[in-house]
Protein backbone atom coordinates (compact mmCIF):
# COMPACT_ATOMS: atom_id res chain seq x y z
CA UNK A 1 -22.40 11.18 -19.89
CA UNK A 2 -24.22 14.23 -18.31
CA UNK A 3 -22.27 15.50 -15.65
CA UNK A 4 -18.80 14.30 -16.50
CA UNK A 5 -15.84 16.11 -16.64
CA UNK A 6 -13.46 15.45 -19.43
CA UNK A 7 -9.54 15.52 -18.69
CA UNK A 8 -7.14 13.93 -20.97
CA UNK A 9 -3.40 14.09 -20.43
CA UNK A 10 -1.78 15.57 -22.89
CA UNK A 11 0.17 12.32 -24.28
CA UNK A 12 0.16 9.24 -22.73
CA UNK A 13 2.68 8.84 -20.13
CA UNK A 14 5.30 5.74 -20.52
CA UNK A 15 6.54 3.60 -17.20
CA UNK A 16 10.55 3.88 -17.94
CA UNK A 17 12.29 4.32 -21.43
CA UNK A 18 13.10 1.05 -22.15
CA UNK A 19 9.51 -1.06 -21.22
CA UNK A 20 7.25 -2.33 -24.08
CA UNK A 21 3.38 -2.39 -24.40
CA UNK A 22 3.87 -5.46 -27.07
CA UNK A 23 5.24 -8.62 -27.23
CA UNK A 24 6.47 -9.25 -30.67
CA UNK A 25 7.51 -12.93 -32.21
CA UNK A 26 9.90 -12.38 -35.23
CA UNK A 27 12.61 -14.23 -37.30
CA UNK A 28 15.93 -14.12 -37.18
CA UNK A 29 18.21 -12.07 -39.71
CA UNK A 30 18.36 -13.05 -43.36
CA UNK A 31 20.99 -14.47 -45.05
CA UNK A 32 21.38 -13.12 -48.45
CA UNK A 33 22.64 -16.71 -49.48
CA UNK A 34 19.60 -18.00 -48.15
CA UNK A 35 17.61 -20.30 -50.37
CA UNK A 36 14.45 -18.96 -52.65
CA UNK A 37 12.52 -21.91 -49.75
CA UNK A 38 14.08 -20.24 -47.18
CA UNK A 39 13.27 -16.62 -47.61
CA UNK A 40 9.75 -17.80 -48.24
CA UNK A 41 9.66 -19.70 -45.10
CA UNK A 42 11.38 -16.42 -43.53
CA UNK A 43 7.97 -14.13 -44.90
CA UNK A 44 5.23 -16.46 -43.56
CA UNK A 45 6.85 -16.15 -40.19
CA UNK A 46 6.99 -12.47 -40.47
CA UNK A 47 3.21 -12.63 -41.51
CA UNK A 48 2.16 -14.67 -38.34
CA UNK A 49 3.91 -12.24 -36.02
CA UNK A 50 1.15 -12.29 -32.92
CA UNK A 51 1.09 -9.20 -30.83
CA UNK A 52 0.08 -9.00 -27.57
CA UNK A 53 -1.39 -6.26 -25.67
CA UNK A 54 -1.29 -5.84 -21.77
CA UNK A 55 -4.63 -3.56 -20.80
CA UNK A 56 -6.35 -2.58 -18.14
CA UNK A 57 -9.02 0.06 -17.19
CA UNK A 58 -8.94 1.47 -13.34
CA UNK A 59 -10.85 3.92 -11.97
CA UNK A 60 -9.55 5.27 -9.04
CA UNK A 61 -11.17 7.37 -6.00
CA UNK A 62 -10.76 8.32 -2.81
CA UNK A 63 -12.07 10.25 0.70
CA UNK A 64 -15.79 8.62 0.36
CA UNK A 65 -16.37 8.93 3.46
CA UNK A 66 -19.23 6.22 3.68
CA UNK A 67 -20.83 7.19 0.21
CA UNK A 68 -20.71 5.10 -3.18
CA UNK A 69 -23.74 5.86 -4.86
CA UNK A 70 -25.27 5.07 -8.57
CA UNK A 71 -22.88 8.16 -9.95
CA UNK A 72 -19.64 6.72 -9.28
CA UNK A 73 -21.02 3.38 -10.30
CA UNK A 74 -21.77 4.66 -13.34
CA UNK A 75 -18.36 5.98 -13.51
CA UNK A 76 -16.65 2.87 -12.77
CA UNK A 77 -18.97 0.49 -14.75
CA UNK A 78 -16.26 -0.24 -17.70
CA UNK A 79 -13.12 -0.45 -15.36
CA UNK A 80 -11.63 -3.59 -14.32
CA UNK A 81 -10.37 -2.31 -10.59
CA UNK A 82 -10.95 0.26 -8.56
CA UNK A 83 -8.14 1.66 -6.39
CA UNK A 84 -9.37 3.74 -3.39
CA UNK A 85 -6.86 6.14 -1.99
CA UNK A 86 -8.23 6.26 1.40
CA UNK A 87 -11.01 8.04 4.08
CA UNK A 88 -13.11 5.04 2.51
CA UNK A 89 -15.82 4.90 5.91
CA UNK A 90 -16.67 1.38 7.01
CA UNK A 91 -15.51 -2.15 6.30
CA UNK A 92 -19.15 -2.59 5.02
CA UNK A 93 -18.65 0.69 2.02
CA UNK A 94 -15.84 -1.38 1.21
CA UNK A 95 -16.97 -4.60 0.54
CA UNK A 96 -19.91 -3.17 -1.55
CA UNK A 97 -17.35 -1.49 -3.37
CA UNK A 98 -15.31 -4.94 -4.00
CA UNK A 99 -18.56 -6.66 -4.98
CA UNK A 100 -18.79 -4.14 -7.57
CA UNK A 101 -15.41 -4.12 -9.09
CA UNK A 102 -12.32 -5.50 -7.70
CA UNK A 103 -10.80 -3.53 -4.93
CA UNK A 104 -7.10 -2.38 -3.81
CA UNK A 105 -7.50 -0.39 -0.78
CA UNK A 106 -5.60 1.65 1.91
CA UNK A 107 -6.71 3.14 5.17
CA UNK A 108 -7.13 6.91 5.92
CA UNK A 109 -6.77 9.07 8.64
CA UNK A 110 -10.66 8.93 9.33
CA UNK A 111 -11.24 5.51 8.82
CA UNK A 112 -11.58 3.80 11.98
CA UNK A 113 -8.93 1.16 13.90
CA UNK A 114 -11.20 -1.89 12.11
CA UNK A 115 -10.52 -0.24 8.24
CA UNK A 116 -6.45 0.54 9.92
CA UNK A 117 -7.11 -3.66 10.53
CA UNK A 118 -7.95 -4.45 7.07
CA UNK A 119 -6.18 -2.11 5.04
CA UNK A 120 -2.58 -1.11 4.71
CA UNK A 121 -1.26 2.56 5.12
CA UNK A 122 0.74 2.21 2.15
CA UNK A 123 0.10 -0.16 -0.93
CA UNK A 124 2.62 -1.02 -3.38
CA UNK A 125 1.70 -3.37 -6.15
CA UNK A 126 3.00 -4.07 -10.31
CA UNK A 127 -0.48 -3.19 -12.87
CA UNK A 128 0.96 -4.36 -16.32
CA UNK A 129 3.80 -2.53 -16.64
CA UNK A 130 3.62 0.18 -14.06
CA UNK A 131 5.16 0.16 -10.82
CA UNK A 132 2.31 1.72 -8.36
CA UNK A 133 2.49 3.16 -5.00
CA UNK A 134 -0.63 4.37 -3.05
CA UNK A 135 -1.68 5.80 -0.09
CA UNK A 136 -3.65 8.46 1.75
CA UNK A 137 -1.67 11.40 3.36
CA UNK A 138 1.16 11.79 0.46
CA UNK A 139 1.28 15.38 -0.01
CA UNK A 140 2.52 16.70 -3.86
CA UNK A 141 5.54 16.71 -5.88
CA UNK A 142 8.58 18.90 -3.91
CA UNK A 143 5.79 18.72 -1.20
CA UNK A 144 5.54 15.18 -0.15
CA UNK A 145 4.92 14.12 3.09
CA UNK A 146 8.01 12.35 4.51
CA UNK A 147 6.68 9.22 5.01
CA UNK A 148 5.32 9.11 1.94
CA UNK A 149 9.07 10.45 0.16
CA UNK A 150 10.77 7.51 2.13
CA UNK A 151 8.57 4.93 0.45
CA UNK A 152 8.82 6.62 -2.67
CA UNK A 153 12.90 6.30 -2.80
CA UNK A 154 12.28 3.06 -1.61
CA UNK A 155 9.69 1.75 -4.20
CA UNK A 156 10.48 4.04 -7.24
CA UNK A 157 7.43 3.83 -8.68
CA UNK A 158 6.19 5.14 -12.02
CA UNK A 159 2.15 5.90 -10.31
CA UNK A 160 1.87 7.61 -7.20
CA UNK A 161 -1.87 7.78 -5.92
CA UNK A 162 -2.94 9.43 -2.88
CA UNK A 163 -5.69 11.06 -1.75
CA UNK A 164 -6.55 13.19 2.09
CA UNK A 165 -7.14 16.97 0.26
CA UNK A 166 -10.02 16.49 -1.24
CA UNK A 167 -8.34 18.48 -4.24
CA UNK A 168 -8.10 17.44 -7.50
CA UNK A 169 -4.39 16.96 -9.02
CA UNK A 170 -2.42 14.86 -11.90
CA UNK A 171 0.79 16.39 -12.25
CA UNK A 172 4.25 15.02 -13.76
CA UNK A 173 6.92 14.77 -11.03
CA UNK A 174 10.40 14.62 -13.05
CA UNK A 175 12.31 14.76 -9.95
CA UNK A 176 11.21 10.93 -9.20
CA UNK A 177 9.60 10.24 -12.85
CA UNK A 178 6.37 9.58 -11.86
CA UNK A 179 2.67 10.83 -12.36
CA UNK A 180 1.39 11.83 -8.95
CA UNK A 181 -2.60 11.71 -8.91
CA UNK A 182 -4.69 12.62 -6.49
CA UNK A 183 -8.68 11.81 -7.20
CA UNK A 184 -10.04 14.62 -5.35
CA UNK A 185 -13.19 12.95 -2.85
CA UNK A 186 -15.86 11.37 -4.17
CA UNK A 187 -17.57 11.44 -1.22
CA UNK A 188 -20.39 14.37 0.54
CA UNK A 189 -18.52 15.32 3.85
CA UNK A 190 -15.82 17.61 3.68
CA UNK A 191 -14.65 21.18 2.22
CA UNK A 192 -14.82 20.45 -1.57
CA UNK A 193 -17.79 21.91 -3.81
CA UNK A 194 -17.86 19.13 -6.52
CA UNK A 195 -17.13 15.41 -6.24
CA UNK A 196 -14.55 13.40 -8.16
CA UNK A 197 -12.98 10.45 -9.54
CA UNK A 198 -10.31 9.45 -12.20
CA UNK A 199 -10.39 6.72 -14.21
CA UNK A 200 -7.99 5.90 -17.10
CA UNK A 201 -6.22 2.89 -18.87
CA UNK A 202 -2.95 1.17 -18.29
CA UNK A 203 -1.52 -0.24 -21.61
CA UNK A 204 1.72 -2.61 -21.01
CA UNK A 205 3.63 0.52 -19.19
CA UNK A 206 1.73 3.61 -20.56
CA UNK A 207 -0.87 5.04 -18.94
CA UNK A 208 -3.56 7.04 -21.28
CA UNK A 209 -7.26 8.07 -21.70
CA UNK A 210 -7.70 9.82 -18.38
CA UNK A 211 -10.52 11.36 -17.48
CA UNK A 212 -12.17 12.57 -14.70
CA UNK A 213 -15.82 12.75 -12.92
CA UNK A 214 -17.02 15.72 -11.80
CA UNK A 215 -20.74 16.19 -9.56
CA UNK A 216 -22.12 18.67 -7.23
CA UNK A 217 -21.96 17.63 -3.76
CA UNK A 218 -25.52 17.17 -2.12
């Protein structure tokens, strides 16, 4: 749609070499001396193999500072969940987002004391086959905030989400084998000239089809 910038990762990022995005049922190895009837049964089992795909569409935003308007609703219309990396604004705004889509959130440094009691500083959870760590002030690969680095070492996430900088950035960290996503600022308050947000697909243990929405600040 008009007004949406598109950013696609050059390849999907898979959460570990041993993971799988599908579960396959299969028969055991066939004995060469198996009867014709046995071979026919094995063939039928093979043809009835069932593939189960685990897939979820995710929207990420940060630093809304009280803004959740129609452009964000349109951008996140097809997602299954919204993850907010802090500086939400008010409990009422968080409730509006949660009424629109299921919400996971952390508080930011500009959120008040009530928001700090409602939402944690760090959220660690599993989305399909991907371990996720989210906070507001996280830094960047090789320059992580000390508290974030301690959590990264403890949790070993495959996706690390942070906000605060108001600068969009998506980068792979080879040291900790994770994808770092800072969605920039989706609100209208701060140093940024463009409002940004991110959406992507978690497909089993892979993250793919990442897109960025861009809108001029009012």
